[in-house]
Amino acid sequence: MFEAPDIDMRKSLLCQIYLNLSAAYMKTHHYSLAERVCNDGLSLTDMVSQLYFRKAQAMSLRKDCTLDKLTEAKRCITIAIEKRSS
């Protein structure tokens, strides 16, 4: 089996891939896909503040953005700031 440091390294690499993929989707205006990729990354670990920030960006830039989505985006930014400062 894999050892804990090996698993942590793999999760870290996957999170970096998810971050890059979400940035690419946002650059091409595929905001719903960017949000989905961020959710996939957050299912691995919720300790990466950039995933929360990118998710908030993707949610707020969608054309069909509602007040509920903006409230959720604000919550994601708050979590990102908390994770970043801890």
PDB file of N, CA and C in Angstrom:
ATOM      1  N   MET A   1       0.827  -1.196   0.000  1.00  0.00           N
ATOM      2  CA  MET A   1       0.000   0.000   0.000  1.00  0.00           C
ATOM      3  C   MET A   1       0.866   1.254   0.000  1.00  0.00           C
ATOM      4  N   PHE A   2       0.209   2.373  -0.275  1.00  0.00           N
ATOM      5  CA  PHE A   2       0.908   3.649  -0.288  1.00  0.00           C
ATOM      6  C   PHE A   2       1.059   4.177   1.131  1.00  0.00           C
ATOM      7  N   GLU A   3       2.156   4.849   1.376  1.00  0.00           N
ATOM      8  CA  GLU A   3       2.387   5.467   2.673  1.00  0.00           C
ATOM      9  C   GLU A   3       1.737   6.842   2.700  1.00  0.00           C
ATOM     10  N   ALA A   4       1.531   7.368   3.889  1.00  0.00           N
ATOM     11  CA  ALA A   4       0.848   8.652   4.062  1.00  0.00           C
ATOM     12  C   ALA A   4       1.528   9.800   3.318  1.00  0.00           C
ATOM     13  N   PRO A   5       2.866   9.952   3.354  1.00  0.00           N
ATOM     14  CA  PRO A   5       3.484  11.047   2.595  1.00  0.00           C
ATOM     15  C   PRO A   5       3.241  10.942   1.089  1.00  0.00           C
ATOM     16  N   ASP A   6       3.206   9.703   0.590  1.00  0.00           N
ATOM     17  CA  ASP A   6       2.953   9.493  -0.841  1.00  0.00           C
ATOM     18  C   ASP A   6       1.530   9.906  -1.205  1.00  0.00           C
ATOM     19  N   ILE A   7       0.584   9.580  -0.352  1.00  0.00           N
ATOM     20  CA  ILE A   7      -0.816   9.951  -0.592  1.00  0.00           C
ATOM     21  C   ILE A   7      -0.970  11.470  -0.525  1.00  0.00           C
ATOM     22  N   ASP A   8      -0.320  12.104   0.447  1.00  0.00           N
ATOM     23  CA  ASP A   8      -0.383  13.562   0.567  1.00  0.00           C
ATOM     24  C   ASP A   8       0.203  14.243  -0.671  1.00  0.00           C
ATOM     25  N   MET A   9       1.292  13.703  -1.190  1.00  0.00           N
ATOM     26  CA  MET A   9       1.903  14.273  -2.379  1.00  0.00           C
ATOM     27  C   MET A   9       0.963  14.142  -3.581  1.00  0.00           C
ATOM     28  N   ARG A  10       0.314  13.009  -3.703  1.00  0.00           N
ATOM     29  CA  ARG A  10      -0.621  12.801  -4.810  1.00  0.00           C
ATOM     30  C   ARG A  10      -1.810  13.746  -4.709  1.00  0.00           C
ATOM     31  N   LYS A  11      -2.331  13.940  -3.503  1.00  0.00           N
ATOM     32  CA  LYS A  11      -3.445  14.879  -3.308  1.00  0.00           C
ATOM     33  C   LYS A  11      -3.014  16.299  -3.653  1.00  0.00           C
ATOM     34  N   SER A  12      -1.812  16.654  -3.265  1.00  0.00           N
ATOM     35  CA  SER A  12      -1.291  17.985  -3.559  1.00  0.00           C
ATOM     36  C   SER A  12      -1.175  18.205  -5.072  1.00  0.00           C
ATOM     37  N   LEU A  13      -0.667  17.208  -5.766  1.00  0.00           N
ATOM     38  CA  LEU A  13      -0.551  17.311  -7.226  1.00  0.00           C
ATOM     39  C   LEU A  13      -1.922  17.393  -7.881  1.00  0.00           C
ATOM     40  N   LEU A  14      -2.865  16.591  -7.411  1.00  0.00           N
ATOM     41  CA  LEU A  14      -4.213  16.637  -7.968  1.00  0.00           C
ATOM     42  C   LEU A  14      -4.870  17.994  -7.730  1.00  0.00           C
ATOM     43  N   CYS A  15      -4.667  18.559  -6.548  1.00  0.00           N
ATOM     44  CA  CYS A  15      -5.221  19.882  -6.262  1.00  0.00           C
ATOM     45  C   CYS A  15      -4.637  20.930  -7.202  1.00  0.00           C
ATOM     46  N   GLN A  16      -3.354  20.834  -7.486  1.00  0.00           N
ATOM     47  CA  GLN A  16      -2.726  21.771  -8.421  1.00  0.00           C
ATOM     48  C   GLN A  16      -3.301  21.604  -9.823  1.00  0.00           C
ATOM     49  N   ILE A  17      -3.561  20.374 -10.213  1.00  0.00           N
ATOM     50  CA  ILE A  17      -4.183  20.125 -11.520  1.00  0.00           C
ATOM     51  C   ILE A  17      -5.587  20.715 -11.561  1.00  0.00           C
ATOM     52  N   TYR A  18      -6.356  20.515 -10.486  1.00  0.00           N
ATOM     53  CA  TYR A  18      -7.703  21.087 -10.424  1.00  0.00           C
ATOM     54  C   TYR A  18      -7.662  22.617 -10.487  1.00  0.00           C
ATOM     55  N   LEU A  19      -6.700  23.227  -9.808  1.00  0.00           N
ATOM     56  CA  LEU A  19      -6.574  24.682  -9.855  1.00  0.00           C
ATOM     57  C   LEU A  19      -6.266  25.168 -11.267  1.00  0.00           C
ATOM     58  N   ASN A  20      -5.340  24.494 -11.935  1.00  0.00           N
ATOM     59  CA  ASN A  20      -4.989  24.881 -13.303  1.00  0.00           C
ATOM     60  C   ASN A  20      -6.147  24.656 -14.262  1.00  0.00           C
ATOM     61  N   LEU A  21      -6.851  23.553 -14.079  1.00  0.00           N
ATOM     62  CA  LEU A  21      -7.986  23.252 -14.942  1.00  0.00           C
ATOM     63  C   LEU A  21      -9.110  24.273 -14.749  1.00  0.00           C
ATOM     64  N   SER A  22      -9.363  24.652 -13.507  1.00  0.00           N
ATOM     65  CA  SER A  22     -10.406  25.655 -13.261  1.00  0.00           C
ATOM     66  C   SER A  22     -10.017  27.009 -13.850  1.00  0.00           C
ATOM     67  N   ALA A  23      -8.745  27.362 -13.772  1.00  0.00           N
ATOM     68  CA  ALA A  23      -8.290  28.619 -14.378  1.00  0.00           C
ATOM     69  C   ALA A  23      -8.458  28.582 -15.895  1.00  0.00           C
ATOM     70  N   ALA A  24      -8.157  27.440 -16.493  1.00  0.00           N
ATOM     71  CA  ALA A  24      -8.320  27.308 -17.952  1.00  0.00           C
ATOM     72  C   ALA A  24      -9.786  27.409 -18.346  1.00  0.00           C
ATOM     73  N   TYR A  25     -10.670  26.764 -17.580  1.00  0.00           N
ATOM     74  CA  TYR A  25     -12.104  26.855 -17.885  1.00  0.00           C
ATOM     75  C   TYR A  25     -12.606  28.283 -17.739  1.00  0.00           C
ATOM     76  N   MET A  26     -12.144  28.991 -16.727  1.00  0.00           N
ATOM     77  CA  MET A  26     -12.603  30.374 -16.551  1.00  0.00           C
ATOM     78  C   MET A  26     -12.078  31.272 -17.663  1.00  0.00           C
ATOM     79  N   LYS A  27     -10.871  31.006 -18.109  1.00  0.00           N
ATOM     80  CA  LYS A  27     -10.292  31.799 -19.196  1.00  0.00           C
ATOM     81  C   LYS A  27     -11.108  31.647 -20.485  1.00  0.00           C
ATOM     82  N   THR A  28     -11.708  30.457 -20.664  1.00  0.00           N
ATOM     83  CA  THR A  28     -12.518  30.204 -21.854  1.00  0.00           C
ATOM     84  C   THR A  28     -14.012  30.397 -21.581  1.00  0.00           C
ATOM     85  N   HIS A  29     -14.349  31.019 -20.457  1.00  0.00           N
ATOM     86  CA  HIS A  29     -15.723  31.379 -20.083  1.00  0.00           C
ATOM     87  C   HIS A  29     -16.622  30.167 -19.861  1.00  0.00           C
ATOM     88  N   HIS A  30     -16.066  29.059 -19.403  1.00  0.00           N
ATOM     89  CA  HIS A  30     -16.839  27.879 -19.024  1.00  0.00           C
ATOM     90  C   HIS A  30     -16.906  27.834 -17.492  1.00  0.00           C
ATOM     91  N   TYR A  31     -17.698  28.739 -16.946  1.00  0.00           N
ATOM     92  CA  TYR A  31     -17.706  28.940 -15.501  1.00  0.00           C
ATOM     93  C   TYR A  31     -18.343  27.781 -14.742  1.00  0.00           C
ATOM     94  N   SER A  32     -19.360  27.153 -15.305  1.00  0.00           N
ATOM     95  CA  SER A  32     -19.976  26.019 -14.601  1.00  0.00           C
ATOM     96  C   SER A  32     -19.008  24.847 -14.512  1.00  0.00           C
ATOM     97  N   LEU A  33     -18.212  24.629 -15.557  1.00  0.00           N
ATOM     98  CA  LEU A  33     -17.200  23.572 -15.509  1.00  0.00           C
ATOM     99  C   LEU A  33     -16.097  23.917 -14.505  1.00  0.00           C
ATOM    100  N   ALA A  34     -15.727  25.183 -14.440  1.00  0.00           N
ATOM    101  CA  ALA A  34     -14.713  25.615 -13.471  1.00  0.00           C
ATOM    102  C   ALA A  34     -15.206  25.388 -12.045  1.00  0.00           C
ATOM    103  N   GLU A  35     -16.472  25.682 -11.811  1.00  0.00           N
ATOM    104  CA  GLU A  35     -17.046  25.463 -10.479  1.00  0.00           C
ATOM    105  C   GLU A  35     -17.072  23.967 -10.146  1.00  0.00           C
ATOM    106  N   ARG A  36     -17.424  23.148 -11.118  1.00  0.00           N
ATOM    107  CA  ARG A  36     -17.463  21.698 -10.895  1.00  0.00           C
ATOM    108  C   ARG A  36     -16.073  21.149 -10.578  1.00  0.00           C
ATOM    109  N   VAL A  37     -15.054  21.652 -11.288  1.00  0.00           N
ATOM    110  CA  VAL A  37     -13.681  21.211 -11.039  1.00  0.00           C
ATOM    111  C   VAL A  37     -13.243  21.615  -9.631  1.00  0.00           C
ATOM    112  N   CYS A  38     -13.610  22.802  -9.216  1.00  0.00           N
ATOM    113  CA  CYS A  38     -13.269  23.237  -7.853  1.00  0.00           C
ATOM    114  C   CYS A  38     -13.951  22.355  -6.810  1.00  0.00           C
ATOM    115  N   ASN A  39     -15.201  21.998  -7.066  1.00  0.00           N
ATOM    116  CA  ASN A  39     -15.895  21.090  -6.144  1.00  0.00           C
ATOM    117  C   ASN A  39     -15.196  19.742  -6.072  1.00  0.00           C
ATOM    118  N   ASP A  40     -14.719  19.255  -7.215  1.00  0.00           N
ATOM    119  CA  ASP A  40     -13.972  17.987  -7.222  1.00  0.00           C
ATOM    120  C   ASP A  40     -12.691  18.112  -6.388  1.00  0.00           C
ATOM    121  N   GLY A  41     -12.001  19.238  -6.535  1.00  0.00           N
ATOM    122  CA  GLY A  41     -10.793  19.462  -5.747  1.00  0.00           C
ATOM    123  C   GLY A  41     -11.090  19.565  -4.265  1.00  0.00           C
ATOM    124  N   LEU A  42     -12.197  20.212  -3.925  1.00  0.00           N
ATOM    125  CA  LEU A  42     -12.560  20.353  -2.520  1.00  0.00           C
ATOM    126  C   LEU A  42     -13.017  19.030  -1.917  1.00  0.00           C
ATOM    127  N   SER A  43     -13.445  18.091  -2.759  1.00  0.00           N
ATOM    128  CA  SER A  43     -13.800  16.772  -2.228  1.00  0.00           C
ATOM    129  C   SER A  43     -12.552  16.009  -1.793  1.00  0.00           C
ATOM    130  N   LEU A  44     -11.405  16.351  -2.390  1.00  0.00           N
ATOM    131  CA  LEU A  44     -10.136  15.748  -1.964  1.00  0.00           C
ATOM    132  C   LEU A  44      -9.659  16.322  -0.642  1.00  0.00           C
ATOM    133  N   THR A  45      -9.634  17.640  -0.592  1.00  0.00           N
ATOM    134  CA  THR A  45      -9.188  18.336   0.614  1.00  0.00           C
ATOM    135  C   THR A  45      -9.860  19.701   0.666  1.00  0.00           C
ATOM    136  N   ASP A  46     -10.211  20.116   1.859  1.00  0.00           N
ATOM    137  CA  ASP A  46     -10.820  21.440   2.012  1.00  0.00           C
ATOM    138  C   ASP A  46      -9.835  22.441   2.604  1.00  0.00           C
ATOM    139  N   MET A  47      -8.550  22.113   2.527  1.00  0.00           N
ATOM    140  CA  MET A  47      -7.525  22.965   3.119  1.00  0.00           C
ATOM    141  C   MET A  47      -6.877  23.921   2.122  1.00  0.00           C
ATOM    142  N   VAL A  48      -7.271  23.879   0.860  1.00  0.00           N
ATOM    143  CA  VAL A  48      -6.649  24.714  -0.167  1.00  0.00           C
ATOM    144  C   VAL A  48      -7.516  25.955  -0.379  1.00  0.00           C
ATOM    145  N   SER A  49      -7.020  27.088   0.073  1.00  0.00           N
ATOM    146  CA  SER A  49      -7.806  28.321   0.007  1.00  0.00           C
ATOM    147  C   SER A  49      -8.060  28.766  -1.434  1.00  0.00           C
ATOM    148  N   GLN A  50      -7.125  28.485  -2.329  1.00  0.00           N
ATOM    149  CA  GLN A  50      -7.298  28.899  -3.724  1.00  0.00           C
ATOM    150  C   GLN A  50      -8.474  28.211  -4.391  1.00  0.00           C
ATOM    151  N   LEU A  51      -8.771  26.984  -3.995  1.00  0.00           N
ATOM    152  CA  LEU A  51      -9.932  26.292  -4.565  1.00  0.00           C
ATOM    153  C   LEU A  51     -11.226  27.022  -4.194  1.00  0.00           C
ATOM    154  N   TYR A  52     -11.315  27.476  -2.955  1.00  0.00           N
ATOM    155  CA  TYR A  52     -12.493  28.243  -2.535  1.00  0.00           C
ATOM    156  C   TYR A  52     -12.579  29.561  -3.301  1.00  0.00           C
ATOM    157  N   PHE A  53     -11.440  30.215  -3.466  1.00  0.00           N
ATOM    158  CA  PHE A  53     -11.427  31.494  -4.182  1.00  0.00           C
ATOM    159  C   PHE A  53     -11.835  31.324  -5.646  1.00  0.00           C
ATOM    160  N   ARG A  54     -11.274  30.312  -6.305  1.00  0.00           N
ATOM    161  CA  ARG A  54     -11.618  30.072  -7.712  1.00  0.00           C
ATOM    162  C   ARG A  54     -13.082  29.672  -7.862  1.00  0.00           C
ATOM    163  N   LYS A  55     -13.590  28.912  -6.901  1.00  0.00           N
ATOM    164  CA  LYS A  55     -14.999  28.536  -6.936  1.00  0.00           C
ATOM    165  C   LYS A  55     -15.876  29.781  -6.835  1.00  0.00           C
ATOM    166  N   ALA A  56     -15.506  30.692  -5.947  1.00  0.00           N
ATOM    167  CA  ALA A  56     -16.263  31.940  -5.802  1.00  0.00           C
ATOM    168  C   ALA A  56     -16.211  32.763  -7.084  1.00  0.00           C
ATOM    169  N   GLN A  57     -15.049  32.813  -7.711  1.00  0.00           N
ATOM    170  CA  GLN A  57     -14.934  33.528  -8.986  1.00  0.00           C
ATOM    171  C   GLN A  57     -15.849  32.915 -10.031  1.00  0.00           C
ATOM    172  N   ALA A  58     -15.791  31.605 -10.164  1.00  0.00           N
ATOM    173  CA  ALA A  58     -16.592  30.919 -11.179  1.00  0.00           C
ATOM    174  C   ALA A  58     -18.080  31.114 -10.926  1.00  0.00           C
ATOM    175  N   MET A  59     -18.481  31.053  -9.675  1.00  0.00           N
ATOM    176  CA  MET A  59     -19.902  31.221  -9.346  1.00  0.00           C
ATOM    177  C   MET A  59     -20.383  32.626  -9.653  1.00  0.00           C
ATOM    178  N   SER A  60     -19.583  33.615  -9.350  1.00  0.00           N
ATOM    179  CA  SER A  60     -20.032  35.003  -9.514  1.00  0.00           C
ATOM    180  C   SER A  60     -19.959  35.487 -10.962  1.00  0.00           C
ATOM    181  N   LEU A  61     -19.161  34.842 -11.802  1.00  0.00           N
ATOM    182  CA  LEU A  61     -19.026  35.279 -13.186  1.00  0.00           C
ATOM    183  C   LEU A  61     -20.029  34.640 -14.136  1.00  0.00           C
ATOM    184  N   ARG A  62     -20.790  33.683 -13.663  1.00  0.00           N
ATOM    185  CA  ARG A  62     -21.775  33.032 -14.524  1.00  0.00           C
ATOM    186  C   ARG A  62     -22.876  34.013 -14.917  1.00  0.00           C
ATOM    187  N   LYS A  63     -23.392  33.868 -16.124  1.00  0.00           N
ATOM    188  CA  LYS A  63     -24.463  34.746 -16.590  1.00  0.00           C
ATOM    189  C   LYS A  63     -25.759  34.521 -15.831  1.00  0.00           C
ATOM    190  N   ASP A  64     -25.989  33.291 -15.410  1.00  0.00           N
ATOM    191  CA  ASP A  64     -27.227  32.973 -14.701  1.00  0.00           C
ATOM    192  C   ASP A  64     -27.061  33.059 -13.177  1.00  0.00           C
ATOM    193  N   CYS A  65     -26.127  33.881 -12.741  1.00  0.00           N
ATOM    194  CA  CYS A  65     -25.838  34.025 -11.323  1.00  0.00           C
ATOM    195  C   CYS A  65     -27.032  34.650 -10.594  1.00  0.00           C
ATOM    196  N   THR A  66     -27.410  34.037  -9.494  1.00  0.00           N
ATOM    197  CA  THR A  66     -28.509  34.544  -8.678  1.00  0.00           C
ATOM    198  C   THR A  66     -27.955  35.112  -7.383  1.00  0.00           C
ATOM    199  N   LEU A  67     -28.837  35.711  -6.617  1.00  0.00           N
ATOM    200  CA  LEU A  67     -28.431  36.251  -5.324  1.00  0.00           C
ATOM    201  C   LEU A  67     -27.959  35.137  -4.392  1.00  0.00           C
ATOM    202  N   ASP A  68     -28.590  33.984  -4.476  1.00  0.00           N
ATOM    203  CA  ASP A  68     -28.160  32.845  -3.658  1.00  0.00           C
ATOM    204  C   ASP A  68     -26.745  32.407  -4.026  1.00  0.00           C
ATOM    205  N   LYS A  69     -26.448  32.381  -5.326  1.00  0.00           N
ATOM    206  CA  LYS A  69     -25.103  32.004  -5.773  1.00  0.00           C
ATOM    207  C   LYS A  69     -24.072  33.040  -5.315  1.00  0.00           C
ATOM    208  N   LEU A  70     -24.435  34.316  -5.363  1.00  0.00           N
ATOM    209  CA  LEU A  70     -23.516  35.351  -4.895  1.00  0.00           C
ATOM    210  C   LEU A  70     -23.276  35.247  -3.390  1.00  0.00           C
ATOM    211  N   THR A  71     -24.312  34.888  -2.652  1.00  0.00           N
ATOM    212  CA  THR A  71     -24.163  34.683  -1.214  1.00  0.00           C
ATOM    213  C   THR A  71     -23.233  33.500  -0.948  1.00  0.00           C
ATOM    214  N   GLU A  72     -23.398  32.428  -1.721  1.00  0.00           N
ATOM    215  CA  GLU A  72     -22.515  31.265  -1.600  1.00  0.00           C
ATOM    216  C   GLU A  72     -21.081  31.632  -1.980  1.00  0.00           C
ATOM    217  N   ALA A  73     -20.922  32.468  -3.015  1.00  0.00           N
ATOM    218  CA  ALA A  73     -19.584  32.910  -3.429  1.00  0.00           C
ATOM    219  C   ALA A  73     -18.928  33.732  -2.317  1.00  0.00           C
ATOM    220  N   LYS A  74     -19.708  34.568  -1.667  1.00  0.00           N
ATOM    221  CA  LYS A  74     -19.178  35.354  -0.553  1.00  0.00           C
ATOM    222  C   LYS A  74     -18.739  34.446   0.588  1.00  0.00           C
ATOM    223  N   ARG A  75     -19.511  33.384   0.844  1.00  0.00           N
ATOM    224  CA  ARG A  75     -19.151  32.426   1.890  1.00  0.00           C
ATOM    225  C   ARG A  75     -17.842  31.718   1.527  1.00  0.00           C
ATOM    226  N   CYS A  76     -17.675  31.392   0.252  1.00  0.00           N
ATOM    227  CA  CYS A  76     -16.447  30.735  -0.203  1.00  0.00           C
ATOM    228  C   CYS A  76     -15.236  31.651  -0.032  1.00  0.00           C
ATOM    229  N   ILE A  77     -15.414  32.929  -0.313  1.00  0.00           N
ATOM    230  CA  ILE A  77     -14.311  33.882  -0.138  1.00  0.00           C
ATOM    231  C   ILE A  77     -13.954  34.019   1.338  1.00  0.00           C
ATOM    232  N   THR A  78     -14.959  34.037   2.191  1.00  0.00           N
ATOM    233  CA  THR A  78     -14.702  34.112   3.627  1.00  0.00           C
ATOM    234  C   THR A  78     -13.916  32.887   4.096  1.00  0.00           C
ATOM    235  N   ILE A  79     -14.301  31.711   3.605  1.00  0.00           N
ATOM    236  CA  ILE A  79     -13.573  30.491   3.968  1.00  0.00           C
ATOM    237  C   ILE A  79     -12.140  30.551   3.432  1.00  0.00           C
ATOM    238  N   ALA A  80     -11.986  31.051   2.210  1.00  0.00           N
ATOM    239  CA  ALA A  80     -10.633  31.155   1.624  1.00  0.00           C
ATOM    240  C   ALA A  80      -9.741  32.060   2.460  1.00  0.00           C
ATOM    241  N   ILE A  81     -10.297  33.161   2.928  1.00  0.00           N
ATOM    242  CA  ILE A  81      -9.511  34.086   3.763  1.00  0.00           C
ATOM    243  C   ILE A  81      -9.150  33.429   5.097  1.00  0.00           C
ATOM    244  N   GLU A  82     -10.096  32.704   5.679  1.00  0.00           N
ATOM    245  CA  GLU A  82      -9.823  32.015   6.942  1.00  0.00           C
ATOM    246  C   GLU A  82      -8.750  30.954   6.777  1.00  0.00           C
ATOM    247  N   LYS A  83      -8.836  30.189   5.699  1.00  0.00           N
ATOM    248  CA  LYS A  83      -7.835  29.141   5.447  1.00  0.00           C
ATOM    249  C   LYS A  83      -6.472  29.738   5.174  1.00  0.00           C
ATOM    250  N   ARG A  84      -6.455  30.860   4.477  1.00  0.00           N
ATOM    251  CA  ARG A  84      -5.198  31.501   4.122  1.00  0.00           C
ATOM    252  C   ARG A  84      -4.473  32.057   5.343  1.00  0.00           C
ATOM    253  N   SER A  85      -5.249  32.572   6.295  1.00  0.00           N
ATOM    254  CA  SER A  85      -4.638  33.190   7.470  1.00  0.00           C
ATOM    255  C   SER A  85      -4.282  32.183   8.553  1.00  0.00           C
ATOM    256  N   SER A  86      -4.773  30.958   8.422  1.00  0.00           N
ATOM    257  CA  SER A  86      -4.459  29.964   9.470  1.00  0.00           C
ATOM    258  C   SER A  86      -3.252  29.125   9.125  1.00  0.00           C
TER     259      SER A  86
END
